[in-house]
Amino acid sequence: MKILTLLSLFTFALGFQHYCKCQCNEQLLVEKIDQCDQCTKEWCLQQNASLCLPEKTTDSMIISCFQNESRKEQAIVYAFILAIVVLLGKLVLPSRG
């Protein structure tokens, strides 16, 4: 049972979210995406057609894809939470022996 709980915590730690950042002139758009290859000029303009106005040129558009949290960061956080729960459980439950 403990192994199953531990494995389920680590599967949650493996999930992360990609974001696409589109910047044109002084306007900025940040949206969630499934994969980084979706982050293109065309995608940015589909989300906000007035992103590059008033110039109407996409030459100055800066596009980047990033993750808010990496797998490593999430695994560290979940491991820390699990360690705290185990320590609190040992403190609250009477010891056998």
PDB file of N, CA and C in Angstrom:
ATOM      1  N   MET A   1       0.821  -1.196   0.000  1.00  0.00           N
ATOM      2  CA  MET A   1       0.000   0.000   0.000  1.00  0.00           C
ATOM      3  C   MET A   1       0.860   1.253   0.000  1.00  0.00           C
ATOM      4  N   LYS A   2       1.948   1.228   0.777  1.00  0.00           N
ATOM      5  CA  LYS A   2       2.831   2.395   0.844  1.00  0.00           C
ATOM      6  C   LYS A   2       3.502   2.647  -0.499  1.00  0.00           C
ATOM      7  N   ILE A   3       3.880   1.561  -1.178  1.00  0.00           N
ATOM      8  CA  ILE A   3       4.539   1.710  -2.471  1.00  0.00           C
ATOM      9  C   ILE A   3       3.574   2.301  -3.486  1.00  0.00           C
ATOM     10  N   LEU A   4       2.325   1.867  -3.449  1.00  0.00           N
ATOM     11  CA  LEU A   4       1.319   2.395  -4.361  1.00  0.00           C
ATOM     12  C   LEU A   4       1.098   3.885  -4.127  1.00  0.00           C
ATOM     13  N   THR A   5       1.039   4.287  -2.878  1.00  0.00           N
ATOM     14  CA  THR A   5       0.876   5.701  -2.551  1.00  0.00           C
ATOM     15  C   THR A   5       2.075   6.503  -3.029  1.00  0.00           C
ATOM     16  N   LEU A   6       3.255   5.981  -2.823  1.00  0.00           N
ATOM     17  CA  LEU A   6       4.474   6.665  -3.249  1.00  0.00           C
ATOM     18  C   LEU A   6       4.522   6.799  -4.767  1.00  0.00           C
ATOM     19  N   LEU A   7       4.164   5.738  -5.474  1.00  0.00           N
ATOM     20  CA  LEU A   7       4.159   5.791  -6.933  1.00  0.00           C
ATOM     21  C   LEU A   7       3.129   6.777  -7.460  1.00  0.00           C
ATOM     22  N   SER A   8       1.965   6.834  -6.826  1.00  0.00           N
ATOM     23  CA  SER A   8       0.949   7.783  -7.279  1.00  0.00           C
ATOM     24  C   SER A   8       1.396   9.221  -7.060  1.00  0.00           C
ATOM     25  N   LEU A   9       2.127   9.477  -5.980  1.00  0.00           N
ATOM     26  CA  LEU A   9       2.655  10.825  -5.756  1.00  0.00           C
ATOM     27  C   LEU A   9       3.670  11.202  -6.827  1.00  0.00           C
ATOM     28  N   PHE A  10       4.504  10.262  -7.219  1.00  0.00           N
ATOM     29  CA  PHE A  10       5.500  10.572  -8.235  1.00  0.00           C
ATOM     30  C   PHE A  10       4.882  10.729  -9.619  1.00  0.00           C
ATOM     31  N   THR A  11       3.763  10.051  -9.902  1.00  0.00           N
ATOM     32  CA  THR A  11       3.114  10.276 -11.186  1.00  0.00           C
ATOM     33  C   THR A  11       2.543  11.680 -11.258  1.00  0.00           C
ATOM     34  N   PHE A  12       2.044  12.205 -10.135  1.00  0.00           N
ATOM     35  CA  PHE A  12       1.603  13.596 -10.121  1.00  0.00           C
ATOM     36  C   PHE A  12       2.788  14.530 -10.339  1.00  0.00           C
ATOM     37  N   ALA A  13       3.929  14.171  -9.833  1.00  0.00           N
ATOM     38  CA  ALA A  13       5.116  15.018  -9.981  1.00  0.00           C
ATOM     39  C   ALA A  13       5.618  15.032 -11.416  1.00  0.00           C
ATOM     40  N   LEU A  14       5.283  14.025 -12.199  1.00  0.00           N
ATOM     41  CA  LEU A  14       5.751  13.978 -13.574  1.00  0.00           C
ATOM     42  C   LEU A  14       4.933  14.862 -14.508  1.00  0.00           C
ATOM     43  N   GLY A  15       3.767  15.280 -14.115  1.00  0.00           N
ATOM     44  CA  GLY A  15       2.954  16.139 -14.951  1.00  0.00           C
ATOM     45  C   GLY A  15       3.397  17.581 -14.849  1.00  0.00           C
ATOM     46  N   PHE A  16       3.482  18.264 -15.981  1.00  0.00           N
ATOM     47  CA  PHE A  16       3.855  19.666 -15.974  1.00  0.00           C
ATOM     48  C   PHE A  16       3.140  20.367 -17.113  1.00  0.00           C
ATOM     49  N   GLN A  17       3.141  21.661 -17.088  1.00  0.00           N
ATOM     50  CA  GLN A  17       2.404  22.451 -18.057  1.00  0.00           C
ATOM     51  C   GLN A  17       3.356  23.299 -18.894  1.00  0.00           C
ATOM     52  N   HIS A  18       3.141  23.287 -20.212  1.00  0.00           N
ATOM     53  CA  HIS A  18       3.892  24.147 -21.121  1.00  0.00           C
ATOM     54  C   HIS A  18       3.118  25.446 -21.321  1.00  0.00           C
ATOM     55  N   TYR A  19       3.861  26.518 -21.515  1.00  0.00           N
ATOM     56  CA  TYR A  19       3.265  27.818 -21.802  1.00  0.00           C
ATOM     57  C   TYR A  19       3.934  28.404 -23.035  1.00  0.00           C
ATOM     58  N   CYS A  20       3.156  29.124 -23.825  1.00  0.00           N
ATOM     59  CA  CYS A  20       3.677  29.824 -24.986  1.00  0.00           C
ATOM     60  C   CYS A  20       3.609  31.320 -24.693  1.00  0.00           C
ATOM     61  N   LYS A  21       4.741  31.978 -24.844  1.00  0.00           N
ATOM     62  CA  LYS A  21       4.823  33.420 -24.600  1.00  0.00           C
ATOM     63  C   LYS A  21       5.027  34.112 -25.940  1.00  0.00           C
ATOM     64  N   CYS A  22       4.102  34.992 -26.286  1.00  0.00           N
ATOM     65  CA  CYS A  22       4.169  35.745 -27.533  1.00  0.00           C
ATOM     66  C   CYS A  22       4.261  37.225 -27.180  1.00  0.00           C
ATOM     67  N   GLN A  23       5.281  37.882 -27.702  1.00  0.00           N
ATOM     68  CA  GLN A  23       5.457  39.304 -27.424  1.00  0.00           C
ATOM     69  C   GLN A  23       5.671  40.030 -28.745  1.00  0.00           C
ATOM     70  N   CYS A  24       4.866  41.054 -28.961  1.00  0.00           N
ATOM     71  CA  CYS A  24       4.973  41.850 -30.173  1.00  0.00           C
ATOM     72  C   CYS A  24       4.735  43.303 -29.785  1.00  0.00           C
ATOM     73  N   ASN A  25       5.655  44.168 -30.174  1.00  0.00           N
ATOM     74  CA  ASN A  25       5.641  45.572 -29.753  1.00  0.00           C
ATOM     75  C   ASN A  25       5.647  45.605 -28.230  1.00  0.00           C
ATOM     76  N   GLU A  26       4.665  46.190 -27.626  1.00  0.00           N
ATOM     77  CA  GLU A  26       4.596  46.252 -26.160  1.00  0.00           C
ATOM     78  C   GLU A  26       3.544  45.299 -25.594  1.00  0.00           C
ATOM     79  N   GLN A  27       2.908  44.514 -26.449  1.00  0.00           N
ATOM     80  CA  GLN A  27       1.848  43.611 -26.006  1.00  0.00           C
ATOM     81  C   GLN A  27       2.423  42.225 -25.728  1.00  0.00           C
ATOM     82  N   LEU A  28       1.824  41.562 -24.751  1.00  0.00           N
ATOM     83  CA  LEU A  28       2.313  40.256 -24.313  1.00  0.00           C
ATOM     84  C   LEU A  28       1.138  39.296 -24.164  1.00  0.00           C
ATOM     85  N   LEU A  29       1.347  38.059 -24.588  1.00  0.00           N
ATOM     86  CA  LEU A  29       0.339  37.009 -24.469  1.00  0.00           C
ATOM     87  C   LEU A  29       1.026  35.758 -23.943  1.00  0.00           C
ATOM     88  N   VAL A  30       0.504  35.186 -22.863  1.00  0.00           N
ATOM     89  CA  VAL A  30       1.018  33.933 -22.308  1.00  0.00           C
ATOM     90  C   VAL A  30      -0.170  32.996 -22.152  1.00  0.00           C
ATOM     91  N   GLU A  31      -0.116  31.846 -22.836  1.00  0.00           N
ATOM     92  CA  GLU A  31      -1.218  30.881 -22.819  1.00  0.00           C
ATOM     93  C   GLU A  31      -0.681  29.471 -22.607  1.00  0.00           C
ATOM     94  N   LYS A  32      -1.516  28.607 -22.034  1.00  0.00           N
ATOM     95  CA  LYS A  32      -1.167  27.196 -21.859  1.00  0.00           C
ATOM     96  C   LYS A  32      -1.260  26.478 -23.198  1.00  0.00           C
ATOM     97  N   ILE A  33      -0.298  25.571 -23.444  1.00  0.00           N
ATOM     98  CA  ILE A  33      -0.317  24.737 -24.641  1.00  0.00           C
ATOM     99  C   ILE A  33       0.048  23.306 -24.249  1.00  0.00           C
ATOM    100  N   ASP A  34      -0.236  22.364 -25.149  1.00  0.00           N
ATOM    101  CA  ASP A  34       0.063  20.959 -24.873  1.00  0.00           C
ATOM    102  C   ASP A  34       1.521  20.617 -25.164  1.00  0.00           C
ATOM    103  N   GLN A  35       2.038  21.121 -26.288  1.00  0.00           N
ATOM    104  CA  GLN A  35       3.418  20.830 -26.683  1.00  0.00           C
ATOM    105  C   GLN A  35       4.066  22.106 -27.205  1.00  0.00           C
ATOM    106  N   CYS A  36       5.381  22.189 -27.075  1.00  0.00           N
ATOM    107  CA  CYS A  36       6.096  23.399 -27.484  1.00  0.00           C
ATOM    108  C   CYS A  36       6.069  23.628 -28.991  1.00  0.00           C
ATOM    109  N   ASP A  37       5.882  22.560 -29.787  1.00  0.00           N
ATOM    110  CA  ASP A  37       5.855  22.776 -31.231  1.00  0.00           C
ATOM    111  C   ASP A  37       4.588  23.501 -31.692  1.00  0.00           C
ATOM    112  N   GLN A  38       3.606  23.661 -30.814  1.00  0.00           N
ATOM    113  CA  GLN A  38       2.407  24.439 -31.132  1.00  0.00           C
ATOM    114  C   GLN A  38       2.658  25.939 -31.029  1.00  0.00           C
ATOM    115  N   CYS A  39       3.727  26.335 -30.386  1.00  0.00           N
ATOM    116  CA  CYS A  39       4.018  27.744 -30.134  1.00  0.00           C
ATOM    117  C   CYS A  39       4.656  28.364 -31.381  1.00  0.00           C
ATOM    118  N   THR A  40       3.822  28.909 -32.262  1.00  0.00           N
ATOM    119  CA  THR A  40       4.281  29.523 -33.506  1.00  0.00           C
ATOM    120  C   THR A  40       3.661  30.907 -33.644  1.00  0.00           C
ATOM    121  N   LYS A  41       4.122  31.663 -34.638  1.00  0.00           N
ATOM    122  CA  LYS A  41       3.542  32.987 -34.904  1.00  0.00           C
ATOM    123  C   LYS A  41       2.065  32.867 -35.252  1.00  0.00           C
ATOM    124  N   GLU A  42       1.747  31.857 -36.056  1.00  0.00           N
ATOM    125  CA  GLU A  42       0.356  31.660 -36.468  1.00  0.00           C
ATOM    126  C   GLU A  42      -0.534  31.375 -35.265  1.00  0.00           C
ATOM    127  N   TRP A  43      -0.050  30.526 -34.345  1.00  0.00           N
ATOM    128  CA  TRP A  43      -0.831  30.203 -33.153  1.00  0.00           C
ATOM    129  C   TRP A  43      -1.057  31.452 -32.310  1.00  0.00           C
ATOM    130  N   CYS A  44      -0.010  32.257 -32.159  1.00  0.00           N
ATOM    131  CA  CYS A  44      -0.129  33.481 -31.365  1.00  0.00           C
ATOM    132  C   CYS A  44      -1.162  34.425 -31.961  1.00  0.00           C
ATOM    133  N   LEU A  45      -1.147  34.563 -33.287  1.00  0.00           N
ATOM    134  CA  LEU A  45      -2.103  35.462 -33.938  1.00  0.00           C
ATOM    135  C   LEU A  45      -3.520  34.897 -33.911  1.00  0.00           C
ATOM    136  N   GLN A  46      -3.663  33.569 -33.868  1.00  0.00           N
ATOM    137  CA  GLN A  46      -4.996  32.979 -33.721  1.00  0.00           C
ATOM    138  C   GLN A  46      -5.571  33.284 -32.345  1.00  0.00           C
ATOM    139  N   GLN A  47      -4.722  33.318 -31.329  1.00  0.00           N
ATOM    140  CA  GLN A  47      -5.183  33.598 -29.972  1.00  0.00           C
ATOM    141  C   GLN A  47      -5.547  35.065 -29.796  1.00  0.00           C
ATOM    142  N   ASN A  48      -4.784  35.949 -30.430  1.00  0.00           N
ATOM    143  CA  ASN A  48      -5.026  37.387 -30.312  1.00  0.00           C
ATOM    144  C   ASN A  48      -4.606  38.039 -31.622  1.00  0.00           C
ATOM    145  N   ALA A  49      -5.584  38.306 -32.489  1.00  0.00           N
ATOM    146  CA  ALA A  49      -5.290  38.855 -33.815  1.00  0.00           C
ATOM    147  C   ALA A  49      -4.721  40.269 -33.740  1.00  0.00           C
ATOM    148  N   SER A  50      -5.003  40.978 -32.662  1.00  0.00           N
ATOM    149  CA  SER A  50      -4.528  42.362 -32.541  1.00  0.00           C
ATOM    150  C   SER A  50      -3.220  42.454 -31.755  1.00  0.00           C
ATOM    151  N   LEU A  51      -2.485  41.361 -31.677  1.00  0.00           N
ATOM    152  CA  LEU A  51      -1.259  41.331 -30.879  1.00  0.00           C
ATOM    153  C   LEU A  51      -0.190  42.280 -31.422  1.00  0.00           C
ATOM    154  N   CYS A  52      -0.053  42.350 -32.742  1.00  0.00           N
ATOM    155  CA  CYS A  52       0.996  43.178 -33.336  1.00  0.00           C
ATOM    156  C   CYS A  52       0.483  44.519 -33.862  1.00  0.00           C
ATOM    157  N   LEU A  53      -0.712  44.897 -33.506  1.00  0.00           N
ATOM    158  CA  LEU A  53      -1.227  46.195 -33.945  1.00  0.00           C
ATOM    159  C   LEU A  53      -0.552  47.295 -33.158  1.00  0.00           C
ATOM    160  N   PRO A  54      -0.362  48.467 -33.648  1.00  0.00           N
ATOM    161  CA  PRO A  54      -0.880  49.039 -34.892  1.00  0.00           C
ATOM    162  C   PRO A  54      -0.003  48.789 -36.107  1.00  0.00           C
ATOM    163  N   GLU A  55       1.153  48.167 -35.976  1.00  0.00           N
ATOM    164  CA  GLU A  55       2.083  48.033 -37.103  1.00  0.00           C
ATOM    165  C   GLU A  55       1.691  46.937 -38.095  1.00  0.00           C
ATOM    166  N   LYS A  56       0.939  45.940 -37.660  1.00  0.00           N
ATOM    167  CA  LYS A  56       0.480  44.828 -38.495  1.00  0.00           C
ATOM    168  C   LYS A  56       1.626  44.021 -39.109  1.00  0.00           C
ATOM    169  N   THR A  57       2.768  44.002 -38.465  1.00  0.00           N
ATOM    170  CA  THR A  57       3.884  43.183 -38.934  1.00  0.00           C
ATOM    171  C   THR A  57       4.317  42.246 -37.814  1.00  0.00           C
ATOM    172  N   THR A  58       4.657  41.034 -38.194  1.00  0.00           N
ATOM    173  CA  THR A  58       5.067  40.050 -37.191  1.00  0.00           C
ATOM    174  C   THR A  58       6.583  39.902 -37.137  1.00  0.00           C
ATOM    175  N   ASP A  59       7.303  40.812 -37.793  1.00  0.00           N
ATOM    176  CA  ASP A  59       8.765  40.722 -37.800  1.00  0.00           C
ATOM    177  C   ASP A  59       9.356  40.912 -36.407  1.00  0.00           C
ATOM    178  N   SER A  60       8.702  41.711 -35.592  1.00  0.00           N
ATOM    179  CA  SER A  60       9.237  41.994 -34.256  1.00  0.00           C
ATOM    180  C   SER A  60       8.667  41.060 -33.185  1.00  0.00           C
ATOM    181  N   MET A  61       7.961  40.008 -33.597  1.00  0.00           N
ATOM    182  CA  MET A  61       7.346  39.089 -32.633  1.00  0.00           C
ATOM    183  C   MET A  61       8.398  38.169 -32.023  1.00  0.00           C
ATOM    184  N   ILE A  62       8.380  38.078 -30.707  1.00  0.00           N
ATOM    185  CA  ILE A  62       9.282  37.187 -29.976  1.00  0.00           C
ATOM    186  C   ILE A  62       8.440  36.060 -29.384  1.00  0.00           C
ATOM    187  N   ILE A  63       8.815  34.826 -29.692  1.00  0.00           N
ATOM    188  CA  ILE A  63       8.049  33.656 -29.250  1.00  0.00           C
ATOM    189  C   ILE A  63       8.956  32.762 -28.416  1.00  0.00           C
ATOM    190  N   SER A  64       8.435  32.299 -27.290  1.00  0.00           N
ATOM    191  CA  SER A  64       9.197  31.349 -26.477  1.00  0.00           C
ATOM    192  C   SER A  64       8.243  30.380 -25.796  1.00  0.00           C
ATOM    193  N   CYS A  65       8.719  29.171 -25.601  1.00  0.00           N
ATOM    194  CA  CYS A  65       7.954  28.139 -24.912  1.00  0.00           C
ATOM    195  C   CYS A  65       8.701  27.790 -23.634  1.00  0.00           C
ATOM    196  N   PHE A  66       7.959  27.673 -22.529  1.00  0.00           N
ATOM    197  CA  PHE A  66       8.616  27.365 -21.263  1.00  0.00           C
ATOM    198  C   PHE A  66       7.697  26.529 -20.393  1.00  0.00           C
ATOM    199  N   GLN A  67       8.294  25.919 -19.367  1.00  0.00           N
ATOM    200  CA  GLN A  67       7.552  25.145 -18.379  1.00  0.00           C
ATOM    201  C   GLN A  67       7.521  25.934 -17.091  1.00  0.00           C
ATOM    202  N   ASN A  68       6.365  25.938 -16.462  1.00  0.00           N
ATOM    203  CA  ASN A  68       6.250  26.637 -15.189  1.00  0.00           C
ATOM    204  C   ASN A  68       6.996  25.883 -14.101  1.00  0.00           C
ATOM    205  N   GLU A  69       6.882  24.593 -14.092  1.00  0.00           N
ATOM    206  CA  GLU A  69       7.546  23.747 -13.103  1.00  0.00           C
ATOM    207  C   GLU A  69       8.147  22.556 -13.829  1.00  0.00           C
ATOM    208  N   SER A  70       9.348  22.212 -13.484  1.00  0.00           N
ATOM    209  CA  SER A  70       9.972  21.044 -14.091  1.00  0.00           C
ATOM    210  C   SER A  70       9.620  19.798 -13.278  1.00  0.00           C
ATOM    211  N   ARG A  71       9.895  18.655 -13.851  1.00  0.00           N
ATOM    212  CA  ARG A  71       9.634  17.390 -13.156  1.00  0.00           C
ATOM    213  C   ARG A  71      10.484  17.280 -11.899  1.00  0.00           C
ATOM    214  N   LYS A  72      11.702  17.741 -12.001  1.00  0.00           N
ATOM    215  CA  LYS A  72      12.611  17.658 -10.857  1.00  0.00           C
ATOM    216  C   LYS A  72      12.089  18.492  -9.691  1.00  0.00           C
ATOM    217  N   GLU A  73      11.637  19.720  -9.974  1.00  0.00           N
ATOM    218  CA  GLU A  73      11.114  20.585  -8.911  1.00  0.00           C
ATOM    219  C   GLU A  73       9.893  19.957  -8.248  1.00  0.00           C
ATOM    220  N   GLN A  74       8.994  19.423  -9.046  1.00  0.00           N
ATOM    221  CA  GLN A  74       7.789  18.816  -8.491  1.00  0.00           C
ATOM    222  C   GLN A  74       8.122  17.572  -7.682  1.00  0.00           C
ATOM    223  N   ALA A  75       9.061  16.765  -8.141  1.00  0.00           N
ATOM    224  CA  ALA A  75       9.447  15.566  -7.392  1.00  0.00           C
ATOM    225  C   ALA A  75      10.047  15.943  -6.042  1.00  0.00           C
ATOM    226  N   ILE A  76      10.845  16.998  -6.010  1.00  0.00           N
ATOM    227  CA  ILE A  76      11.439  17.449  -4.745  1.00  0.00           C
ATOM    228  C   ILE A  76      10.356  17.920  -3.785  1.00  0.00           C
ATOM    229  N   VAL A  77       9.386  18.668  -4.288  1.00  0.00           N
ATOM    230  CA  VAL A  77       8.302  19.162  -3.434  1.00  0.00           C
ATOM    231  C   VAL A  77       7.487  18.003  -2.876  1.00  0.00           C
ATOM    232  N   TYR A  78       7.119  17.039  -3.734  1.00  0.00           N
ATOM    233  CA  TYR A  78       6.329  15.903  -3.258  1.00  0.00           C
ATOM    234  C   TYR A  78       7.122  15.035  -2.280  1.00  0.00           C
ATOM    235  N   ALA A  79       8.406  14.863  -2.508  1.00  0.00           N
ATOM    236  CA  ALA A  79       9.231  14.089  -1.577  1.00  0.00           C
ATOM    237  C   ALA A  79       9.308  14.787  -0.220  1.00  0.00           C
ATOM    238  N   PHE A  80       9.413  16.099  -0.229  1.00  0.00           N
ATOM    239  CA  PHE A  80       9.441  16.860   1.017  1.00  0.00           C
ATOM    240  C   PHE A  80       8.112  16.719   1.763  1.00  0.00           C
ATOM    241  N   ILE A  81       7.006  16.846   1.052  1.00  0.00           N
ATOM    242  CA  ILE A  81       5.685  16.705   1.680  1.00  0.00           C
ATOM    243  C   ILE A  81       5.524  15.298   2.246  1.00  0.00           C
ATOM    244  N   LEU A  82       5.950  14.291   1.498  1.00  0.00           N
ATOM    245  CA  LEU A  82       5.855  12.912   1.972  1.00  0.00           C
ATOM    246  C   LEU A  82       6.701  12.711   3.226  1.00  0.00           C
ATOM    247  N   ALA A  83       7.896  13.274   3.258  1.00  0.00           N
ATOM    248  CA  ALA A  83       8.759  13.147   4.435  1.00  0.00           C
ATOM    249  C   ALA A  83       8.117  13.801   5.656  1.00  0.00           C
ATOM    250  N   ILE A  84       7.501  14.952   5.478  1.00  0.00           N
ATOM    251  CA  ILE A  84       6.825  15.642   6.588  1.00  0.00           C
ATOM    252  C   ILE A  84       5.652  14.809   7.098  1.00  0.00           C
ATOM    253  N   VAL A  85       4.870  14.249   6.181  1.00  0.00           N
ATOM    254  CA  VAL A  85       3.724  13.428   6.586  1.00  0.00           C
ATOM    255  C   VAL A  85       4.195  12.198   7.352  1.00  0.00           C
ATOM    256  N   VAL A  86       5.257  11.555   6.888  1.00  0.00           N
ATOM    257  CA  VAL A  86       5.790  10.374   7.579  1.00  0.00           C
ATOM    258  C   VAL A  86       6.282  10.749   8.971  1.00  0.00           C
ATOM    259  N   LEU A  87       7.011  11.846   9.084  1.00  0.00           N
ATOM    260  CA  LEU A  87       7.511  12.271  10.391  1.00  0.00           C
ATOM    261  C   LEU A  87       6.372  12.639  11.342  1.00  0.00           C
ATOM    262  N   LEU A  88       5.356  13.320  10.835  1.00  0.00           N
ATOM    263  CA  LEU A  88       4.200  13.644  11.677  1.00  0.00           C
ATOM    264  C   LEU A  88       3.451  12.381  12.085  1.00  0.00           C
ATOM    265  N   GLY A  89       3.357  11.414  11.173  1.00  0.00           N
ATOM    266  CA  GLY A  89       2.708  10.153  11.499  1.00  0.00           C
ATOM    267  C   GLY A  89       3.443   9.396  12.586  1.00  0.00           C
ATOM    268  N   LYS A  90       4.754   9.394  12.539  1.00  0.00           N
ATOM    269  CA  LYS A  90       5.547   8.730  13.584  1.00  0.00           C
ATOM    270  C   LYS A  90       5.418   9.457  14.914  1.00  0.00           C
ATOM    271  N   LEU A  91       5.240  10.751  14.877  1.00  0.00           N
ATOM    272  CA  LEU A  91       5.100  11.530  16.098  1.00  0.00           C
ATOM    273  C   LEU A  91       3.734  11.294  16.746  1.00  0.00           C
ATOM    274  N   VAL A  92       2.696  11.240  15.939  1.00  0.00           N
ATOM    275  CA  VAL A  92       1.331  11.117  16.456  1.00  0.00           C
ATOM    276  C   VAL A  92       1.005   9.684  16.862  1.00  0.00           C
ATOM    277  N   LEU A  93       1.399   8.722  16.045  1.00  0.00           N
ATOM    278  CA  LEU A  93       1.080   7.326  16.338  1.00  0.00           C
ATOM    279  C   LEU A  93       2.022   6.794  17.414  1.00  0.00           C
ATOM    280  N   PRO A  94       1.489   6.039  18.348  1.00  0.00           N
ATOM    281  CA  PRO A  94       2.357   5.481  19.397  1.00  0.00           C
ATOM    282  C   PRO A  94       3.301   4.445  18.804  1.00  0.00           C
ATOM    283  N   SER A  95       4.497   4.418  19.325  1.00  0.00           N
ATOM    284  CA  SER A  95       5.482   3.452  18.829  1.00  0.00           C
ATOM    285  C   SER A  95       5.184   2.069  19.395  1.00  0.00           C
ATOM    286  N   ARG A  96       5.473   1.065  18.600  1.00  0.00           N
ATOM    287  CA  ARG A  96       5.246  -0.318  19.030  1.00  0.00           C
ATOM    288  C   ARG A  96       6.555  -0.862  19.572  1.00  0.00           C
ATOM    289  N   GLY A  97       6.525  -1.369  20.747  1.00  0.00           N
ATOM    290  CA  GLY A  97       7.744  -1.987  21.221  1.00  0.00           C
ATOM    291  C   GLY A  97       8.015  -1.849  22.657  1.00  0.00           C
TER     292      GLY A  97
END
